[in-house]
Amino acid sequence: MDSALVADLLNEPTPAPITGRAVVHEKYDLTRVPKHPGKGWTRFVCISDTHSHVFHVPPGDVLLHAGDLCRHGTLKDLEGTLNWLKGLPHPANFMAGNHDLCLDKQYEDGGSLSTYQPYDLRSKDIAVARKLVHSYPYRKAGMHYLEHNTATYTAKSGKTYTIYGSPVRALSDLVISALRVRTHSVPVQAAPFYSIGAFQYVAEDAQAIYARIPPSVDILMTHTPSHGVCDVTKRGKHAGCPKLAERLAHDDLKSCRLHLCGHIHEAHGVAIVGQSEQNPDGRVCVNAAMPVTPLPIIVDLKD
């Protein structure tokens, strides 16, 4: 009998992908969370695409949220999510996604996308939101907002993890084609189709954006998946970014142990890729988008 079916029947967690230095729990019972492996290990609880909803989140050492904090991108949406994260027991590293318009300064008055500012999002809301994510009450609670920058977490063992977050996602070919029809060009900024999302880019910008990922990173958070890994849509298409995949294949990121993403809700899951001399167990790749599968993915890393 299939092991997953047996686990369901017994109400037990399904076997987790295990390497020498990583254990991943993708399917488990939230009332019977897998036991923390103990001293010398750090538990990362991974979520994404919560869209202003509140989910049950299991305990752990660090919470990672890979973007789409908001449903409609308003300041009110953001405040609700931040207060929920603040109430959780973990220190949290979080970032924006394409739904989080209130955090994208391009929509402020005078910004390159101000013409397409939604009616329910005021310029002053954006300024308030961008200050809010860095404000003292949230920092005191151990919350770190990442937007093309790093944060660190030092485990009880003394091991320090470097975490980098990039909120951007690529425009689809369909949108770009429609944009060309409408404007006869694909400007990097100030295009009507950008109004549907925040932190978006065209393919020509991708290489420069992902070149900013520092080689010292242990954990990478991007809102979009890399091409070919946890990125298959319900139509069976790979929707991840090819340039991000190229960047992750570079020698200077061989030591990156965990890549967390979201965005493609139906691609929720885990893959182990990129075995190398520096990282013989490979990189754990997690799409932790919550709407379709409302279960955080747990990644235990050996310090």
Protein backbone atom coordinates (compact mmCIF):
# COMPACT_ATOMS: atom_id res chain seq x y z
CA MET A 1 0.00 0.00 0.00
CA ASP A 2 1.18 3.53 -0.78
CA SER A 3 3.00 5.09 2.20
CA ALA A 4 1.12 8.39 1.88
CA LEU A 5 -2.21 6.53 1.97
CA VAL A 6 -1.11 4.59 5.03
CA ALA A 7 -0.12 7.83 6.72
CA ASP A 8 -3.52 9.36 5.95
CA LEU A 9 -5.30 6.34 7.34
CA LEU A 10 -3.22 6.42 10.51
CA ASN A 11 -3.45 10.21 10.78
CA GLU A 12 0.34 10.43 10.76
CA PRO A 13 2.71 12.74 8.87
CA THR A 14 3.90 11.44 5.53
CA PRO A 15 7.62 10.63 5.30
CA ALA A 16 9.64 13.82 4.78
CA PRO A 17 12.40 14.37 2.23
CA ILE A 18 15.58 13.85 4.21
CA THR A 19 19.19 14.68 3.40
CA GLY A 20 22.18 14.62 5.68
CA ARG A 21 21.61 18.19 6.83
CA ALA A 22 17.94 18.86 6.08
CA VAL A 23 14.55 17.37 6.92
CA VAL A 24 11.42 18.68 5.20
CA HIS A 25 7.85 18.23 6.42
CA GLU A 26 5.44 18.96 3.58
CA LYS A 27 2.44 16.90 4.72
CA TYR A 28 1.58 16.47 8.37
CA ASP A 29 -1.26 16.85 10.87
CA LEU A 30 -1.30 20.35 12.37
CA THR A 31 -2.55 18.83 15.64
CA ARG A 32 0.49 16.54 15.71
CA VAL A 33 3.37 18.65 14.41
CA PRO A 34 6.59 16.69 13.75
CA LYS A 35 8.99 16.91 16.67
CA HIS A 36 11.79 19.48 16.47
CA PRO A 37 15.06 17.59 15.82
CA GLY A 38 16.70 19.31 18.79
CA LYS A 39 20.06 20.85 19.58
CA GLY A 40 22.16 21.80 16.58
CA TRP A 41 19.16 22.18 14.25
CA THR A 42 17.08 25.21 13.23
CA ARG A 43 13.42 24.90 12.25
CA PHE A 44 12.22 27.26 9.50
CA VAL A 45 8.46 27.49 9.06
CA CYS A 46 7.70 28.56 5.48
CA ILE A 47 4.60 30.34 4.19
CA SER A 48 3.66 32.59 1.26
CA ASP A 49 0.65 34.12 -0.47
CA THR A 50 -1.49 34.45 2.64
CA HIS A 51 -3.47 37.32 1.05
CA SER A 52 -4.74 38.86 4.31
CA HIS A 53 -5.99 35.51 5.59
CA VAL A 54 -4.99 34.05 8.95
CA PHE A 55 -3.67 30.50 9.02
CA HIS A 56 -2.67 28.12 11.78
CA VAL A 57 1.13 28.16 11.87
CA PRO A 58 3.13 25.51 13.77
CA PRO A 59 5.89 26.54 16.19
CA GLY A 60 9.47 26.83 15.02
CA ASP A 61 12.64 28.86 15.36
CA VAL A 62 12.09 31.24 12.41
CA LEU A 63 9.08 32.13 10.25
CA LEU A 64 9.71 32.91 6.57
CA HIS A 65 7.00 34.63 4.48
CA ALA A 66 7.71 34.94 0.74
CA GLY A 67 5.24 37.66 -0.14
CA ASP A 68 1.66 38.50 -1.06
CA LEU A 69 0.91 39.64 2.45
CA CYS A 70 -2.19 41.47 1.21
CA ARG A 71 -5.35 40.57 -0.62
CA HIS A 72 -6.04 43.91 -2.33
CA GLY A 73 -2.78 45.69 -1.57
CA THR A 74 -4.22 48.31 0.78
CA LEU A 75 -2.71 49.68 3.96
CA LYS A 76 -5.56 48.10 5.93
CA ASP A 77 -4.73 44.71 4.42
CA LEU A 78 -1.08 45.10 5.39
CA GLU A 79 -1.83 46.18 8.95
CA GLY A 80 -3.96 43.09 9.50
CA THR A 81 -1.25 40.75 8.27
CA LEU A 82 1.52 42.44 10.24
CA ASN A 83 -0.48 42.23 13.45
CA TRP A 84 -1.11 38.54 12.82
CA LEU A 85 2.59 37.88 12.22
CA LYS A 86 3.49 39.91 15.29
CA GLY A 87 1.26 37.67 17.41
CA LEU A 88 3.04 34.49 16.32
CA PRO A 89 5.81 33.08 18.55
CA HIS A 90 8.52 33.07 15.87
CA PRO A 91 10.82 35.87 14.74
CA ALA A 92 9.68 36.56 11.18
CA ASN A 93 11.49 37.47 7.98
CA PHE A 94 8.92 38.67 5.46
CA MET A 95 8.72 40.43 2.13
CA ALA A 96 6.26 41.73 -0.44
CA GLY A 97 4.77 40.17 -3.54
CA ASN A 98 2.84 41.39 -6.55
CA HIS A 99 -0.35 41.90 -4.50
CA ASP A 100 1.35 44.23 -2.04
CA LEU A 101 0.82 47.51 -3.89
CA CYS A 102 1.01 49.61 -0.72
CA LEU A 103 4.70 48.70 -0.38
CA ASP A 104 5.72 49.60 -3.94
CA LYS A 105 6.94 53.22 -3.98
CA GLN A 106 6.52 53.35 -7.75
CA TYR A 107 2.81 53.96 -7.09
CA GLU A 108 3.43 57.04 -4.91
CA ASP A 109 2.60 60.49 -6.29
CA GLY A 110 5.43 61.34 -8.64
CA GLY A 111 6.43 57.70 -8.94
CA SER A 112 6.80 56.00 -12.30
CA LEU A 113 3.47 54.19 -11.87
CA SER A 114 1.53 56.89 -10.04
CA THR A 115 -0.84 57.25 -13.01
CA TYR A 116 -2.08 53.73 -12.32
CA GLN A 117 -2.48 54.06 -8.57
CA PRO A 118 -5.66 52.14 -7.55
CA TYR A 119 -8.55 54.30 -6.32
CA ASP A 120 -8.42 52.75 -2.82
CA LEU A 121 -4.67 53.33 -2.39
CA ARG A 122 -3.54 56.84 -1.51
CA SER A 123 0.03 58.02 -1.89
CA LYS A 124 0.29 58.73 1.83
CA ASP A 125 -0.80 55.13 2.52
CA ILE A 126 2.26 53.92 0.63
CA ALA A 127 4.57 56.14 2.65
CA VAL A 128 2.95 54.96 5.88
CA ALA A 129 3.14 51.30 4.83
CA ARG A 130 6.82 51.51 3.95
CA LYS A 131 7.59 53.06 7.34
CA LEU A 132 5.33 50.61 9.14
CA VAL A 133 7.21 47.49 8.06
CA HIS A 134 10.39 48.93 9.59
CA SER A 135 8.75 50.37 12.71
CA TYR A 136 9.97 49.68 16.22
CA PRO A 137 7.05 47.52 17.49
CA TYR A 138 7.57 45.02 14.69
CA ARG A 139 11.35 45.07 14.93
CA LYS A 140 11.05 44.52 18.68
CA ALA A 141 8.92 41.45 17.91
CA GLY A 142 11.76 40.09 15.75
CA MET A 143 10.18 40.96 12.41
CA HIS A 144 12.44 41.91 9.49
CA TYR A 145 11.11 43.25 6.18
CA LEU A 146 13.26 42.27 3.20
CA GLU A 147 13.35 44.17 -0.10
CA HIS A 148 16.55 43.37 -1.97
CA ASN A 149 18.46 43.19 1.29
CA THR A 150 19.54 40.71 3.95
CA ALA A 151 18.76 39.81 7.52
CA THR A 152 20.52 37.35 9.80
CA TYR A 153 19.38 34.83 12.36
CA THR A 154 21.78 33.35 14.90
CA ALA A 155 20.78 29.92 16.16
CA LYS A 156 21.35 28.70 19.71
CA SER A 157 24.34 26.75 18.41
CA GLY A 158 26.00 29.99 17.32
CA LYS A 159 25.44 29.35 13.61
CA THR A 160 24.37 32.54 11.80
CA TYR A 161 22.07 32.22 8.79
CA THR A 162 22.03 34.98 6.16
CA ILE A 163 18.62 35.51 4.57
CA TYR A 164 18.01 37.56 1.40
CA GLY A 165 14.61 38.63 0.06
CA SER A 166 13.59 39.76 -3.42
CA PRO A 167 9.88 40.62 -3.87
CA VAL A 168 9.79 40.92 -7.66
CA ARG A 169 8.08 38.76 -10.22
CA ALA A 170 8.22 38.74 -14.00
CA LEU A 171 5.43 39.87 -16.27
CA SER A 172 3.95 37.00 -18.24
CA ASP A 173 4.42 36.73 -22.00
CA LEU A 174 0.66 37.19 -22.39
CA VAL A 175 0.72 40.52 -20.57
CA ILE A 176 3.79 41.69 -22.46
CA SER A 177 2.18 40.78 -25.80
CA ALA A 178 -0.98 42.68 -24.88
CA LEU A 179 1.12 45.63 -23.76
CA ARG A 180 2.90 45.75 -27.12
CA VAL A 181 -0.44 45.80 -28.90
CA ARG A 182 -1.66 48.64 -26.72
CA THR A 183 1.46 50.82 -26.56
CA HIS A 184 3.68 49.45 -29.38
CA SER A 185 6.45 49.02 -26.80
CA VAL A 186 7.24 47.47 -23.45
CA PRO A 187 8.48 50.29 -21.21
CA VAL A 188 10.14 49.21 -18.02
CA GLN A 189 7.90 51.61 -16.07
CA ALA A 190 4.57 53.39 -16.49
CA ALA A 191 2.69 50.77 -18.47
CA PRO A 192 -1.05 50.17 -17.95
CA PHE A 193 -0.64 46.47 -17.24
CA TYR A 194 1.72 47.20 -14.35
CA SER A 195 -1.26 48.55 -12.45
CA ILE A 196 -2.36 44.99 -11.73
CA GLY A 197 0.63 44.28 -9.54
CA ALA A 198 3.58 45.48 -7.53
CA PHE A 199 7.32 44.84 -7.87
CA GLN A 200 7.07 43.56 -11.45
CA TYR A 201 9.75 43.47 -14.11
CA VAL A 202 10.27 42.58 -17.75
CA ALA A 203 12.71 39.89 -18.82
CA GLU A 204 15.36 42.42 -19.84
CA ASP A 205 15.71 43.52 -16.20
CA ALA A 206 15.86 40.08 -14.63
CA GLN A 207 19.61 39.50 -14.85
CA ALA A 208 20.45 42.77 -13.10
CA ILE A 209 17.81 42.18 -10.42
CA TYR A 210 19.07 38.73 -9.48
CA ALA A 211 22.72 39.72 -9.74
CA ARG A 212 22.07 41.57 -6.48
CA ILE A 213 21.71 38.28 -4.57
CA PRO A 214 24.83 38.11 -2.38
CA PRO A 215 27.06 35.03 -2.62
CA SER A 216 27.05 34.63 1.16
CA VAL A 217 23.33 33.88 1.34
CA ASP A 218 22.22 30.72 3.15
CA ILE A 219 18.50 31.22 2.58
CA LEU A 220 17.00 32.93 -0.46
CA MET A 221 13.43 34.21 -0.56
CA THR A 222 11.95 35.26 -3.90
CA HIS A 223 8.27 35.78 -4.58
CA THR A 224 8.54 34.11 -7.97
CA PRO A 225 9.86 30.57 -8.41
CA SER A 226 12.87 29.81 -10.56
CA HIS A 227 12.08 28.24 -13.92
CA GLY A 228 11.51 24.50 -13.73
CA VAL A 229 11.32 24.15 -9.94
CA CYS A 230 7.97 24.23 -8.10
CA ASP A 231 6.56 26.48 -10.82
CA VAL A 232 4.05 24.43 -12.85
CA THR A 233 0.68 26.11 -13.35
CA LYS A 234 -2.68 24.36 -13.55
CA ARG A 235 -2.27 24.49 -17.33
CA GLY A 236 0.96 22.52 -17.07
CA LYS A 237 3.23 25.43 -17.95
CA HIS A 238 6.48 26.40 -16.22
CA ALA A 239 5.92 29.94 -14.94
CA GLY A 240 9.18 30.50 -13.06
CA CYS A 241 11.91 32.94 -14.04
CA PRO A 242 14.70 31.56 -16.29
CA LYS A 243 17.16 34.26 -15.21
CA LEU A 244 16.59 33.38 -11.56
CA ALA A 245 17.29 29.74 -12.41
CA GLU A 246 20.54 30.81 -14.12
CA ARG A 247 21.56 32.87 -11.09
CA LEU A 248 20.92 29.96 -8.73
CA ALA A 249 23.15 27.76 -10.89
CA HIS A 250 26.16 30.08 -10.45
CA ASP A 251 29.08 28.77 -8.42
CA ASP A 252 28.83 31.58 -5.88
CA LEU A 253 25.38 30.39 -4.78
CA LYS A 254 26.27 26.72 -4.44
CA SER A 255 26.17 27.06 -0.66
CA CYS A 256 22.60 28.39 -0.60
CA ARG A 257 20.70 25.72 1.34
CA LEU A 258 17.08 26.87 1.14
CA HIS A 259 15.16 28.73 -1.56
CA LEU A 260 11.64 29.78 -0.61
CA CYS A 261 9.12 31.13 -3.11
CA GLY A 262 5.39 31.31 -3.75
CA HIS A 263 3.24 33.10 -6.36
CA ILE A 264 2.17 29.97 -8.30
CA HIS A 265 -0.40 28.72 -5.81
CA GLU A 266 -0.98 25.31 -7.37
CA ALA A 267 2.78 24.59 -7.42
CA HIS A 268 2.92 24.33 -3.61
CA GLY A 269 5.55 21.72 -2.80
CA VAL A 270 9.20 20.82 -2.32
CA ALA A 271 12.15 19.83 -4.51
CA ILE A 272 15.79 19.04 -3.72
CA VAL A 273 18.16 20.38 -6.39
CA GLY A 274 21.68 21.66 -6.95
CA GLN A 275 23.91 19.11 -5.26
CA SER A 276 27.48 20.42 -5.23
CA GLU A 277 30.81 19.97 -3.51
CA GLN A 278 30.02 22.92 -1.23
CA ASN A 279 26.50 21.62 -0.62
CA PRO A 280 26.48 17.84 -1.17
CA ASP A 281 22.93 17.44 0.13
CA GLY A 282 21.58 19.96 -2.35
CA ARG A 283 19.34 22.97 -2.00
CA VAL A 284 15.85 22.61 -0.56
CA CYS A 285 13.42 24.49 -2.83
CA VAL A 286 10.02 25.26 -1.32
CA ASN A 287 6.92 26.82 -2.86
CA ALA A 288 4.92 27.64 0.25
CA ALA A 289 1.91 29.36 -1.35
CA MET A 290 -0.96 28.84 1.08
CA PRO A 291 -4.34 29.37 -0.69
CA VAL A 292 -4.57 25.99 -2.42
CA THR A 293 -2.74 23.99 0.27
CA PRO A 294 -3.17 25.83 3.60
CA LEU A 295 -0.33 24.03 5.32
CA PRO A 296 3.01 25.68 6.12
CA ILE A 297 6.06 23.73 5.01
CA ILE A 298 8.59 22.98 7.74
CA VAL A 299 12.29 22.84 6.90
CA ASP A 300 14.72 21.67 9.58
CA LEU A 301 18.35 22.55 8.78
CA LYS A 302 21.33 21.17 10.64
CA ASP A 303 23.45 24.06 11.86
